[in-house]
Amino acid sequence: MGAKLLIKAKGKCTTDHISMANPWLKYRGHLDNISNNMLIGAVNAFGGATNSVVNQLTGAKGEVPATARAYKAAGIPSVVVGDHNYGEGS
């Protein structure tokens, strides 16, 4: 089975959209908790919502981190597609 699209970020998607700081900084060094923060601020090009993607295995909508974990558990790689200035920031 090929890779699944996790999210296509729409528009501006800086480092703050990819991995927000502030309260999440307390998890520095704890990768599992940091993963719960990944891409939750990115706007999904399919529907315009944040932290909402379609799990292509089940067809259900879910949060980005949970969907990424579902793909990983199934042994399926996932892909993130960025729009302009993806990852720009501090």
N, C-alpha and C. Protein backbone atom coordinates (compact mmCIF):
# COMPACT_ATOMS: atom_id res chain seq x y z
N MET A 1 0.85 -1.16 0.00
CA MET A 1 0.00 0.00 0.00
C MET A 1 0.89 1.23 0.00
N GLY A 2 0.55 2.23 -0.78
CA GLY A 2 1.35 3.45 -0.89
C GLY A 2 1.11 4.41 0.25
N ALA A 3 1.87 5.48 0.24
CA ALA A 3 1.74 6.52 1.26
C ALA A 3 0.38 7.21 1.14
N LYS A 4 -0.12 7.67 2.28
CA LYS A 4 -1.39 8.39 2.33
C LYS A 4 -1.11 9.87 2.62
N LEU A 5 -1.91 10.73 2.03
CA LEU A 5 -1.81 12.15 2.31
C LEU A 5 -2.38 12.40 3.70
N LEU A 6 -1.55 12.92 4.60
CA LEU A 6 -2.02 13.25 5.93
C LEU A 6 -2.75 14.59 5.90
N ILE A 7 -2.10 15.61 5.35
CA ILE A 7 -2.70 16.93 5.25
C ILE A 7 -2.03 17.71 4.14
N LYS A 8 -2.81 18.51 3.45
CA LYS A 8 -2.29 19.49 2.52
C LYS A 8 -2.56 20.84 3.16
N ALA A 9 -1.49 21.48 3.63
CA ALA A 9 -1.64 22.77 4.32
C ALA A 9 -2.03 23.84 3.31
N LYS A 10 -3.00 24.66 3.68
CA LYS A 10 -3.48 25.72 2.80
C LYS A 10 -2.93 27.05 3.28
N GLY A 11 -2.37 27.80 2.33
CA GLY A 11 -1.91 29.15 2.63
C GLY A 11 -0.69 29.17 3.53
N LYS A 12 -0.60 30.24 4.29
CA LYS A 12 0.54 30.46 5.18
C LYS A 12 0.59 29.35 6.23
N CYS A 13 1.71 28.69 6.32
CA CYS A 13 1.88 27.61 7.29
C CYS A 13 3.29 27.71 7.85
N THR A 14 3.44 28.55 8.88
CA THR A 14 4.75 28.80 9.48
C THR A 14 5.06 27.73 10.51
N THR A 15 6.22 27.88 11.13
CA THR A 15 6.61 26.92 12.18
C THR A 15 5.61 26.91 13.32
N ASP A 16 4.95 28.04 13.58
CA ASP A 16 3.94 28.08 14.65
C ASP A 16 2.70 27.27 14.29
N HIS A 17 2.38 27.15 13.02
CA HIS A 17 1.26 26.32 12.61
C HIS A 17 1.65 24.84 12.64
N ILE A 18 2.91 24.56 12.36
CA ILE A 18 3.39 23.18 12.32
C ILE A 18 3.54 22.63 13.73
N SER A 19 4.16 23.39 14.60
CA SER A 19 4.36 22.96 15.98
C SER A 19 4.31 24.19 16.88
N MET A 20 3.15 24.46 17.44
CA MET A 20 2.96 25.65 18.26
C MET A 20 3.82 25.60 19.52
N ALA A 21 4.25 26.75 19.93
CA ALA A 21 5.09 26.84 21.13
C ALA A 21 4.22 27.06 22.36
N ASN A 22 4.59 28.00 23.17
CA ASN A 22 3.91 28.37 24.41
C ASN A 22 3.68 27.17 25.32
N PRO A 23 2.45 26.73 25.61
CA PRO A 23 2.28 25.68 26.61
C PRO A 23 2.96 24.36 26.22
N TRP A 24 3.20 24.18 24.94
CA TRP A 24 3.81 22.93 24.49
C TRP A 24 5.29 22.85 24.81
N LEU A 25 5.91 23.98 25.13
CA LEU A 25 7.34 23.97 25.44
C LEU A 25 7.68 23.13 26.66
N LYS A 26 6.73 22.93 27.55
CA LYS A 26 7.00 22.10 28.72
C LYS A 26 7.27 20.65 28.35
N TYR A 27 6.94 20.27 27.11
CA TYR A 27 7.16 18.89 26.66
C TYR A 27 8.47 18.71 25.90
N ARG A 28 9.33 19.73 25.92
CA ARG A 28 10.62 19.60 25.23
C ARG A 28 11.27 18.29 25.63
N GLY A 29 11.73 17.55 24.65
CA GLY A 29 12.40 16.29 24.92
C GLY A 29 11.45 15.11 25.05
N HIS A 30 10.16 15.32 25.04
CA HIS A 30 9.19 14.23 25.14
C HIS A 30 8.47 14.13 23.80
N LEU A 31 9.02 13.31 22.92
CA LEU A 31 8.57 13.27 21.53
C LEU A 31 7.11 12.87 21.37
N ASP A 32 6.62 11.99 22.22
CA ASP A 32 5.23 11.57 22.08
C ASP A 32 4.28 12.74 22.33
N ASN A 33 4.55 13.54 23.36
CA ASN A 33 3.70 14.70 23.63
C ASN A 33 3.87 15.77 22.56
N ILE A 34 5.08 15.97 22.08
CA ILE A 34 5.30 16.94 21.01
C ILE A 34 4.53 16.52 19.76
N SER A 35 4.47 15.23 19.51
CA SER A 35 3.73 14.73 18.34
C SER A 35 2.24 15.06 18.43
N ASN A 36 1.71 15.18 19.63
CA ASN A 36 0.30 15.55 19.80
C ASN A 36 0.02 16.97 19.34
N ASN A 37 1.06 17.75 19.13
CA ASN A 37 0.98 19.15 18.76
C ASN A 37 1.21 19.37 17.25
N MET A 38 1.71 18.37 16.57
CA MET A 38 2.14 18.55 15.19
C MET A 38 0.97 18.82 14.24
N LEU A 39 1.10 19.92 13.53
CA LEU A 39 0.19 20.33 12.46
C LEU A 39 -1.23 20.62 12.90
N ILE A 40 -1.45 20.81 14.20
CA ILE A 40 -2.82 21.10 14.65
C ILE A 40 -3.24 22.52 14.31
N GLY A 41 -2.28 23.39 13.97
CA GLY A 41 -2.62 24.75 13.58
C GLY A 41 -2.65 24.97 12.08
N ALA A 42 -2.30 23.93 11.32
CA ALA A 42 -2.31 24.04 9.86
C ALA A 42 -3.74 23.96 9.32
N VAL A 43 -4.05 24.81 8.36
CA VAL A 43 -5.38 24.79 7.73
C VAL A 43 -5.38 23.72 6.65
N ASN A 44 -6.32 22.81 6.72
CA ASN A 44 -6.44 21.74 5.74
C ASN A 44 -7.05 22.31 4.45
N ALA A 45 -6.37 22.12 3.34
CA ALA A 45 -6.86 22.62 2.05
C ALA A 45 -8.18 21.97 1.65
N PHE A 46 -8.47 20.81 2.22
CA PHE A 46 -9.71 20.12 1.93
C PHE A 46 -10.69 20.37 3.07
N GLY A 47 -11.43 21.45 3.01
CA GLY A 47 -12.43 21.77 4.02
C GLY A 47 -12.15 23.03 4.81
N GLY A 48 -10.89 23.48 4.85
CA GLY A 48 -10.55 24.73 5.50
C GLY A 48 -10.50 24.71 7.01
N ALA A 49 -10.57 23.55 7.63
CA ALA A 49 -10.54 23.46 9.09
C ALA A 49 -9.11 23.23 9.57
N THR A 50 -8.87 23.54 10.83
CA THR A 50 -7.60 23.19 11.45
C THR A 50 -7.80 21.93 12.28
N ASN A 51 -6.74 21.15 12.34
CA ASN A 51 -6.71 19.90 13.11
C ASN A 51 -7.86 18.97 12.77
N SER A 52 -8.19 18.88 11.50
CA SER A 52 -9.24 17.99 11.04
C SER A 52 -8.88 17.46 9.66
N VAL A 53 -8.69 16.15 9.58
CA VAL A 53 -8.37 15.49 8.32
C VAL A 53 -9.21 14.23 8.19
N VAL A 54 -9.31 13.72 6.98
CA VAL A 54 -10.03 12.46 6.77
C VAL A 54 -9.03 11.32 6.84
N ASN A 55 -9.31 10.37 7.71
CA ASN A 55 -8.51 9.16 7.80
C ASN A 55 -8.86 8.31 6.58
N GLN A 56 -7.92 8.13 5.69
CA GLN A 56 -8.18 7.42 4.44
C GLN A 56 -8.34 5.92 4.64
N LEU A 57 -8.09 5.42 5.84
CA LEU A 57 -8.31 4.01 6.13
C LEU A 57 -9.75 3.74 6.56
N THR A 58 -10.34 4.73 7.27
CA THR A 58 -11.68 4.54 7.81
C THR A 58 -12.73 5.44 7.19
N GLY A 59 -12.29 6.55 6.57
CA GLY A 59 -13.22 7.52 6.02
C GLY A 59 -13.73 8.51 7.04
N ALA A 60 -13.35 8.34 8.30
CA ALA A 60 -13.81 9.23 9.36
C ALA A 60 -12.90 10.44 9.50
N LYS A 61 -13.49 11.57 9.90
CA LYS A 61 -12.68 12.75 10.20
C LYS A 61 -12.06 12.58 11.57
N GLY A 62 -10.83 13.10 11.69
CA GLY A 62 -10.15 13.02 12.97
C GLY A 62 -9.08 14.08 13.08
N GLU A 63 -8.46 14.15 14.23
CA GLU A 63 -7.38 15.09 14.47
C GLU A 63 -6.13 14.63 13.71
N VAL A 64 -5.30 15.58 13.33
CA VAL A 64 -4.10 15.28 12.55
C VAL A 64 -3.19 14.28 13.28
N PRO A 65 -2.81 14.52 14.55
CA PRO A 65 -1.91 13.58 15.22
C PRO A 65 -2.49 12.16 15.34
N ALA A 66 -3.78 12.06 15.64
CA ALA A 66 -4.41 10.75 15.78
C ALA A 66 -4.43 10.01 14.44
N THR A 67 -4.68 10.72 13.38
CA THR A 67 -4.70 10.11 12.05
C THR A 67 -3.30 9.66 11.65
N ALA A 68 -2.30 10.48 11.95
CA ALA A 68 -0.91 10.08 11.66
C ALA A 68 -0.55 8.81 12.42
N ARG A 69 -0.98 8.73 13.67
CA ARG A 69 -0.69 7.52 14.46
C ARG A 69 -1.42 6.29 13.90
N ALA A 70 -2.62 6.50 13.39
CA ALA A 70 -3.37 5.37 12.80
C ALA A 70 -2.64 4.84 11.57
N TYR A 71 -2.12 5.75 10.74
CA TYR A 71 -1.36 5.32 9.57
C TYR A 71 -0.10 4.57 10.01
N LYS A 72 0.59 5.11 11.00
CA LYS A 72 1.82 4.47 11.48
C LYS A 72 1.52 3.07 12.03
N ALA A 73 0.45 2.95 12.80
CA ALA A 73 0.07 1.65 13.37
C ALA A 73 -0.24 0.63 12.28
N ALA A 74 -0.76 1.12 11.15
CA ALA A 74 -1.10 0.24 10.03
C ALA A 74 0.10 -0.01 9.12
N GLY A 75 1.24 0.60 9.46
CA GLY A 75 2.44 0.42 8.65
C GLY A 75 2.42 1.19 7.34
N ILE A 76 1.64 2.26 7.30
CA ILE A 76 1.48 3.04 6.07
C ILE A 76 2.17 4.39 6.25
N PRO A 77 3.09 4.73 5.36
CA PRO A 77 3.73 6.05 5.46
C PRO A 77 2.74 7.15 5.08
N SER A 78 2.99 8.35 5.61
CA SER A 78 2.12 9.48 5.29
C SER A 78 2.94 10.64 4.76
N VAL A 79 2.25 11.53 4.06
CA VAL A 79 2.89 12.66 3.39
C VAL A 79 2.17 13.94 3.82
N VAL A 80 2.96 15.00 4.03
CA VAL A 80 2.43 16.33 4.29
C VAL A 80 2.81 17.21 3.12
N VAL A 81 1.85 17.92 2.56
CA VAL A 81 2.11 18.83 1.45
C VAL A 81 1.92 20.26 1.96
N GLY A 82 2.91 21.10 1.71
CA GLY A 82 2.83 22.48 2.15
C GLY A 82 2.49 23.43 1.03
N ASP A 83 1.96 24.57 1.39
CA ASP A 83 1.64 25.63 0.45
C ASP A 83 2.79 26.64 0.52
N HIS A 84 2.54 27.87 0.12
CA HIS A 84 3.61 28.87 0.13
C HIS A 84 4.13 29.11 1.55
N ASN A 85 5.36 29.41 1.64
CA ASN A 85 6.16 29.64 2.85
C ASN A 85 5.94 28.59 3.96
N TYR A 86 5.78 27.34 3.57
CA TYR A 86 5.63 26.25 4.55
C TYR A 86 6.91 26.19 5.40
N GLY A 87 6.75 26.23 6.68
CA GLY A 87 7.87 26.09 7.60
C GLY A 87 8.64 27.36 7.86
N GLU A 88 8.23 28.47 7.28
CA GLU A 88 8.95 29.73 7.50
C GLU A 88 8.69 30.21 8.93
N GLY A 89 9.69 30.69 9.57
CA GLY A 89 9.53 31.22 10.92
C GLY A 89 10.77 30.98 11.75
N SER A 90 10.62 31.21 13.03
CA SER A 90 11.77 31.09 13.92
C SER A 90 12.03 29.65 14.32
